Amino acid sequence: MRLLHRMMIPVLLGVVCGCTPQATTPPAAAASEDPLAIEDKPPNAEGQPMLDDLARVARDADRIVVVEHSYRYDTNEGINSGTPPAERRYRDVVLANADKQPFLATLEGIDPYVSMWTAACIFEPHHRFEFYKGNKRTHTLVVCFQCNQLEWDGAKHPVPQAFYAGLAPFIQSLGMQPERDWQALARL
């Protein structure tokens, strides 16, 4: 259902703006490979630098703290107040030494293809990766699995389309959930 909503956004925007959708003919190679392909551009690996940078940061870190947490919009107080509620940490997992290997393997397994599609929802992250060297936090990666967006203070490269679906099983392996009823959880 969520995919249907995402697919309808460009159509609705076109109607509101008075635009008329134009059909384009994909190149012969793309059409023969996948007749249901949405994009008419050939495969690319533009997301590989982002994956490489993230893996480098993970390898260099003494430890990685993965946090599942609340977000300011999970409660009405966060929406209607100038002061957001304090973050609630639902689960923390520390990855050090060999514990980092599953995360690195996950990054290696993600397809580096970058799509030109963008999410059209509100960024409400509930997962954070904190990278530490000694007592100093060197980098932070904040992920929203609901809208497939992230904020990272590392290198600025395009994010692979498969990043979120590829990272979700790793999050689950830590006893966390990529998506859940965050509002109900915040009321507990």
C-alpha atoms as a PDB file:
ATOM      1  CA  MET A   1       0.000   0.000   0.000  1.00  0.00           C
ATOM      2  CA  ARG A   2       2.827   2.373   0.892  1.00  0.00           C
ATOM      3  CA  LEU A   3       4.423   1.691  -2.514  1.00  0.00           C
ATOM      4  CA  LEU A   4       1.150   2.614  -4.222  1.00  0.00           C
ATOM      5  CA  HIS A   5       1.084   5.914  -2.339  1.00  0.00           C
ATOM      6  CA  ARG A   6       4.685   6.635  -3.372  1.00  0.00           C
ATOM      7  CA  MET A   7       3.907   5.867  -6.986  1.00  0.00           C
ATOM      8  CA  MET A   8       0.858   8.144  -6.972  1.00  0.00           C
ATOM      9  CA  ILE A   9       2.699  11.227  -5.667  1.00  0.00           C
ATOM     10  CA  PRO A  10       4.271  12.179  -9.039  1.00  0.00           C
ATOM     11  CA  VAL A  11       0.907  11.655 -10.763  1.00  0.00           C
ATOM     12  CA  LEU A  12      -0.929  13.825  -8.246  1.00  0.00           C
ATOM     13  CA  LEU A  13       1.746  16.506  -8.415  1.00  0.00           C
ATOM     14  CA  GLY A  14       1.379  16.513 -12.178  1.00  0.00           C
ATOM     15  CA  VAL A  15      -2.381  16.968 -11.929  1.00  0.00           C
ATOM     16  CA  VAL A  16      -2.069  19.776  -9.359  1.00  0.00           C
ATOM     17  CA  CYS A  17       0.596  21.561 -11.406  1.00  0.00           C
ATOM     18  CA  GLY A  18      -1.331  21.128 -14.640  1.00  0.00           C
ATOM     19  CA  CYS A  19       1.362  18.938 -16.157  1.00  0.00           C
ATOM     20  CA  THR A  20       0.528  16.226 -18.634  1.00  0.00           C
ATOM     21  CA  PRO A  21       2.455  12.987 -18.173  1.00  0.00           C
ATOM     22  CA  GLN A  22       4.549  12.146 -21.207  1.00  0.00           C
ATOM     23  CA  ALA A  23       5.409   8.572 -22.046  1.00  0.00           C
ATOM     24  CA  THR A  24       9.035   7.975 -22.844  1.00  0.00           C
ATOM     25  CA  THR A  25      10.413   5.016 -24.685  1.00  0.00           C
ATOM     26  CA  PRO A  26      13.199   3.281 -22.787  1.00  0.00           C
ATOM     27  CA  PRO A  27      16.371   2.346 -24.659  1.00  0.00           C
ATOM     28  CA  ALA A  28      16.158  -1.039 -26.363  1.00  0.00           C
ATOM     29  CA  ALA A  29      18.581  -2.682 -23.895  1.00  0.00           C
ATOM     30  CA  ALA A  30      16.602  -1.578 -20.846  1.00  0.00           C
ATOM     31  CA  ALA A  31      13.288  -2.608 -22.382  1.00  0.00           C
ATOM     32  CA  SER A  32      14.539  -6.086 -23.242  1.00  0.00           C
ATOM     33  CA  GLU A  33      16.079  -6.678 -19.801  1.00  0.00           C
ATOM     34  CA  ASP A  34      13.013  -5.766 -17.745  1.00  0.00           C
ATOM     35  CA  PRO A  35       9.773  -4.748 -19.430  1.00  0.00           C
ATOM     36  CA  LEU A  36       8.447  -3.477 -16.059  1.00  0.00           C
ATOM     37  CA  ALA A  37      11.434  -1.220 -15.361  1.00  0.00           C
ATOM     38  CA  ILE A  38      10.394   2.224 -14.142  1.00  0.00           C
ATOM     39  CA  GLU A  39      13.604   4.013 -15.015  1.00  0.00           C
ATOM     40  CA  ASP A  40      15.040   4.154 -18.480  1.00  0.00           C
ATOM     41  CA  LYS A  41      18.646   4.674 -17.400  1.00  0.00           C
ATOM     42  CA  PRO A  42      21.211   1.873 -17.458  1.00  0.00           C
ATOM     43  CA  PRO A  43      22.391   0.348 -14.169  1.00  0.00           C
ATOM     44  CA  ASN A  44      25.041   2.317 -12.321  1.00  0.00           C
ATOM     45  CA  ALA A  45      27.257   1.952  -9.270  1.00  0.00           C
ATOM     46  CA  GLU A  46      27.080   5.574  -8.109  1.00  0.00           C
ATOM     47  CA  GLY A  47      26.356   4.496  -4.530  1.00  0.00           C
ATOM     48  CA  GLN A  48      29.612   2.557  -4.132  1.00  0.00           C
ATOM     49  CA  PRO A  49      31.571   5.566  -2.748  1.00  0.00           C
ATOM     50  CA  MET A  50      28.965   6.020   0.001  1.00  0.00           C
ATOM     51  CA  LEU A  51      29.132   2.329   0.920  1.00  0.00           C
ATOM     52  CA  ASP A  52      32.945   2.404   0.842  1.00  0.00           C
ATOM     53  CA  ASP A  53      33.095   5.515   3.051  1.00  0.00           C
ATOM     54  CA  LEU A  54      30.668   4.031   5.569  1.00  0.00           C
ATOM     55  CA  ALA A  55      32.612   0.747   5.666  1.00  0.00           C
ATOM     56  CA  ARG A  56      35.887   2.665   6.183  1.00  0.00           C
ATOM     57  CA  VAL A  57      34.359   4.618   9.086  1.00  0.00           C
ATOM     58  CA  ALA A  58      33.033   1.358  10.599  1.00  0.00           C
ATOM     59  CA  ARG A  59      36.415  -0.407  10.261  1.00  0.00           C
ATOM     60  CA  ASP A  60      38.247   2.566  11.811  1.00  0.00           C
ATOM     61  CA  ALA A  61      35.847   2.805  14.767  1.00  0.00           C
ATOM     62  CA  ASP A  62      36.727   1.150  18.071  1.00  0.00           C
ATOM     63  CA  ARG A  63      33.039   0.561  18.580  1.00  0.00           C
ATOM     64  CA  ILE A  64      29.710   1.261  16.922  1.00  0.00           C
ATOM     65  CA  VAL A  65      26.655   1.923  19.060  1.00  0.00           C
ATOM     66  CA  VAL A  66      23.383   1.160  17.264  1.00  0.00           C
ATOM     67  CA  VAL A  67      20.429   2.881  18.924  1.00  0.00           C
ATOM     68  CA  GLU A  68      16.701   2.371  18.379  1.00  0.00           C
ATOM     69  CA  HIS A  69      15.039   5.501  19.754  1.00  0.00           C
ATOM     70  CA  SER A  70      12.004   7.757  19.839  1.00  0.00           C
ATOM     71  CA  TYR A  71      11.675  10.831  17.658  1.00  0.00           C
ATOM     72  CA  ARG A  72      10.198  14.213  18.465  1.00  0.00           C
ATOM     73  CA  TYR A  73       7.054  13.660  16.349  1.00  0.00           C
ATOM     74  CA  ASP A  74       6.110  10.373  18.045  1.00  0.00           C
ATOM     75  CA  THR A  75       3.939  12.269  20.548  1.00  0.00           C
ATOM     76  CA  ASN A  76       1.656  15.277  20.315  1.00  0.00           C
ATOM     77  CA  GLU A  77       4.004  17.067  22.712  1.00  0.00           C
ATOM     78  CA  GLY A  78       6.744  16.898  20.090  1.00  0.00           C
ATOM     79  CA  ILE A  79       4.472  18.245  17.363  1.00  0.00           C
ATOM     80  CA  ASN A  80       2.777  21.015  19.324  1.00  0.00           C
ATOM     81  CA  SER A  81       5.672  22.193  21.450  1.00  0.00           C
ATOM     82  CA  GLY A  82       8.707  24.307  20.744  1.00  0.00           C
ATOM     83  CA  THR A  83      10.625  22.015  23.100  1.00  0.00           C
ATOM     84  CA  PRO A  84      10.832  18.428  21.870  1.00  0.00           C
ATOM     85  CA  PRO A  85      10.390  15.623  24.404  1.00  0.00           C
ATOM     86  CA  ALA A  86      13.531  13.877  25.624  1.00  0.00           C
ATOM     87  CA  GLU A  87      14.655  11.002  23.448  1.00  0.00           C
ATOM     88  CA  ARG A  88      13.755   7.552  24.721  1.00  0.00           C
ATOM     89  CA  ARG A  89      16.210   4.782  23.902  1.00  0.00           C
ATOM     90  CA  TYR A  90      14.362   1.539  23.283  1.00  0.00           C
ATOM     91  CA  ARG A  91      17.452  -0.562  22.608  1.00  0.00           C
ATOM     92  CA  ASP A  92      21.229  -0.035  22.342  1.00  0.00           C
ATOM     93  CA  VAL A  93      23.663  -2.545  20.881  1.00  0.00           C
ATOM     94  CA  VAL A  94      27.427  -2.066  20.987  1.00  0.00           C
ATOM     95  CA  LEU A  95      29.472  -3.559  18.160  1.00  0.00           C
ATOM     96  CA  ALA A  96      33.204  -3.868  18.768  1.00  0.00           C
ATOM     97  CA  ASN A  97      35.958  -5.923  17.162  1.00  0.00           C
ATOM     98  CA  ALA A  98      34.486  -9.058  15.534  1.00  0.00           C
ATOM     99  CA  ASP A  99      30.932  -7.871  16.308  1.00  0.00           C
ATOM    100  CA  LYS A 100      31.357  -5.270  13.536  1.00  0.00           C
ATOM    101  CA  GLN A 101      31.838  -7.962  10.871  1.00  0.00           C
ATOM    102  CA  PRO A 102      28.108  -8.601  10.201  1.00  0.00           C
ATOM    103  CA  PHE A 103      27.602  -4.853   9.657  1.00  0.00           C
ATOM    104  CA  LEU A 104      30.557  -4.721   7.251  1.00  0.00           C
ATOM    105  CA  ALA A 105      29.266  -7.813   5.429  1.00  0.00           C
ATOM    106  CA  THR A 106      25.852  -6.153   5.147  1.00  0.00           C
ATOM    107  CA  LEU A 107      27.403  -3.079   3.514  1.00  0.00           C
ATOM    108  CA  GLU A 108      29.366  -5.268   1.080  1.00  0.00           C
ATOM    109  CA  GLY A 109      26.152  -7.036   0.036  1.00  0.00           C
ATOM    110  CA  ILE A 110      24.186  -3.887  -0.844  1.00  0.00           C
ATOM    111  CA  ASP A 111      23.682  -3.186  -4.556  1.00  0.00           C
ATOM    112  CA  PRO A 112      25.329   0.220  -5.257  1.00  0.00           C
ATOM    113  CA  TYR A 113      22.729   1.240  -7.859  1.00  0.00           C
ATOM    114  CA  VAL A 114      21.440   4.785  -7.307  1.00  0.00           C
ATOM    115  CA  SER A 115      17.906   5.627  -8.403  1.00  0.00           C
ATOM    116  CA  MET A 116      16.799   9.093  -9.392  1.00  0.00           C
ATOM    117  CA  TRP A 117      13.585   8.660  -7.369  1.00  0.00           C
ATOM    118  CA  THR A 118      13.325  10.533  -4.098  1.00  0.00           C
ATOM    119  CA  ALA A 119      11.155   9.993  -1.055  1.00  0.00           C
ATOM    120  CA  ALA A 120       8.262  12.346  -0.464  1.00  0.00           C
ATOM    121  CA  CYS A 121       7.596  11.894   3.224  1.00  0.00           C
ATOM    122  CA  ILE A 122       8.642  13.448   6.496  1.00  0.00           C
ATOM    123  CA  PHE A 123      12.017  12.323   7.844  1.00  0.00           C
ATOM    124  CA  GLU A 124      11.289  10.631  11.190  1.00  0.00           C
ATOM    125  CA  PRO A 125      14.367   8.554  12.043  1.00  0.00           C
ATOM    126  CA  HIS A 126      14.276   5.907  14.768  1.00  0.00           C
ATOM    127  CA  HIS A 127      17.703   4.312  14.293  1.00  0.00           C
ATOM    128  CA  ARG A 128      21.137   5.803  14.811  1.00  0.00           C
ATOM    129  CA  PHE A 129      24.648   4.460  14.304  1.00  0.00           C
ATOM    130  CA  GLU A 130      27.242   6.198  16.488  1.00  0.00           C
ATOM    131  CA  PHE A 131      30.878   5.545  15.535  1.00  0.00           C
ATOM    132  CA  TYR A 132      33.497   5.990  18.298  1.00  0.00           C
ATOM    133  CA  LYS A 133      37.261   6.108  18.473  1.00  0.00           C
ATOM    134  CA  GLY A 134      38.172   5.999  22.139  1.00  0.00           C
ATOM    135  CA  ASN A 135      35.680   8.232  23.942  1.00  0.00           C
ATOM    136  CA  LYS A 136      35.143  10.518  20.946  1.00  0.00           C
ATOM    137  CA  ARG A 137      32.205  10.114  18.598  1.00  0.00           C
ATOM    138  CA  THR A 138      33.640  10.469  15.088  1.00  0.00           C
ATOM    139  CA  HIS A 139      30.525  10.013  12.950  1.00  0.00           C
ATOM    140  CA  THR A 140      26.762   9.624  13.230  1.00  0.00           C
ATOM    141  CA  LEU A 141      24.400   7.970  10.756  1.00  0.00           C
ATOM    142  CA  VAL A 142      20.668   8.502  11.367  1.00  0.00           C
ATOM    143  CA  VAL A 143      18.259   6.298   9.392  1.00  0.00           C
ATOM    144  CA  CYS A 144      14.522   6.505   8.682  1.00  0.00           C
ATOM    145  CA  PHE A 145      13.300   3.173   7.305  1.00  0.00           C
ATOM    146  CA  GLN A 146       9.779   4.531   6.828  1.00  0.00           C
ATOM    147  CA  CYS A 147      10.728   7.043   4.150  1.00  0.00           C
ATOM    148  CA  ASN A 148      14.092   5.555   3.140  1.00  0.00           C
ATOM    149  CA  GLN A 149      16.185   8.583   3.990  1.00  0.00           C
ATOM    150  CA  LEU A 150      19.246   9.181   6.102  1.00  0.00           C
ATOM    151  CA  GLU A 151      21.443  11.887   7.525  1.00  0.00           C
ATOM    152  CA  TRP A 152      25.154  11.194   7.758  1.00  0.00           C
ATOM    153  CA  ASP A 153      27.954  13.512   8.718  1.00  0.00           C
ATOM    154  CA  GLY A 154      30.376  11.414   6.660  1.00  0.00           C
ATOM    155  CA  ALA A 155      31.184  11.899   2.992  1.00  0.00           C
ATOM    156  CA  LYS A 156      28.378  13.197   0.807  1.00  0.00           C
ATOM    157  CA  HIS A 157      27.744  10.647  -1.923  1.00  0.00           C
ATOM    158  CA  PRO A 158      24.481   9.337  -3.379  1.00  0.00           C
ATOM    159  CA  VAL A 159      22.777   6.630  -1.328  1.00  0.00           C
ATOM    160  CA  PRO A 160      22.075   3.317  -3.079  1.00  0.00           C
ATOM    161  CA  GLN A 161      18.414   2.507  -3.599  1.00  0.00           C
ATOM    162  CA  ALA A 162      18.884  -0.875  -1.894  1.00  0.00           C
ATOM    163  CA  PHE A 163      20.555   0.595   1.211  1.00  0.00           C
ATOM    164  CA  TYR A 164      17.471   0.541   3.440  1.00  0.00           C
ATOM    165  CA  ALA A 165      16.192  -2.894   2.393  1.00  0.00           C
ATOM    166  CA  GLY A 166      19.745  -4.209   2.727  1.00  0.00           C
ATOM    167  CA  LEU A 167      20.218  -2.732   6.200  1.00  0.00           C
ATOM    168  CA  ALA A 168      16.813  -3.833   7.567  1.00  0.00           C
ATOM    169  CA  PRO A 169      17.779  -7.505   8.170  1.00  0.00           C
ATOM    170  CA  PHE A 170      20.883  -6.368  10.055  1.00  0.00           C
ATOM    171  CA  ILE A 171      18.741  -4.117  12.276  1.00  0.00           C
ATOM    172  CA  GLN A 172      16.424  -7.075  12.917  1.00  0.00           C
ATOM    173  CA  SER A 173      19.404  -9.288  13.802  1.00  0.00           C
ATOM    174  CA  LEU A 174      20.128  -6.836  16.646  1.00  0.00           C
ATOM    175  CA  GLY A 175      16.633  -7.342  18.073  1.00  0.00           C
ATOM    176  CA  MET A 176      15.379  -4.046  16.651  1.00  0.00           C
ATOM    177  CA  GLN A 177      12.609  -3.363  14.150  1.00  0.00           C
ATOM    178  CA  PRO A 178      12.994  -1.156  11.078  1.00  0.00           C
ATOM    179  CA  GLU A 179       9.331  -0.145  11.211  1.00  0.00           C
ATOM    180  CA  ARG A 180       6.789  -0.289  13.995  1.00  0.00           C
ATOM    181  CA  ASP A 181       4.045   1.793  15.590  1.00  0.00           C
ATOM    182  CA  TRP A 182       6.369   4.413  17.058  1.00  0.00           C
ATOM    183  CA  GLN A 183       3.495   6.539  18.371  1.00  0.00           C
ATOM    184  CA  ALA A 184       2.056   3.645  20.406  1.00  0.00           C
ATOM    185  CA  LEU A 185       5.506   2.784  21.704  1.00  0.00           C
ATOM    186  CA  ALA A 186       6.060   6.392  22.827  1.00  0.00           C
ATOM    187  CA  ARG A 187       2.820   6.256  24.860  1.00  0.00           C
ATOM    188  CA  LEU A 188       3.986   3.243  26.923  1.00  0.00           C
END
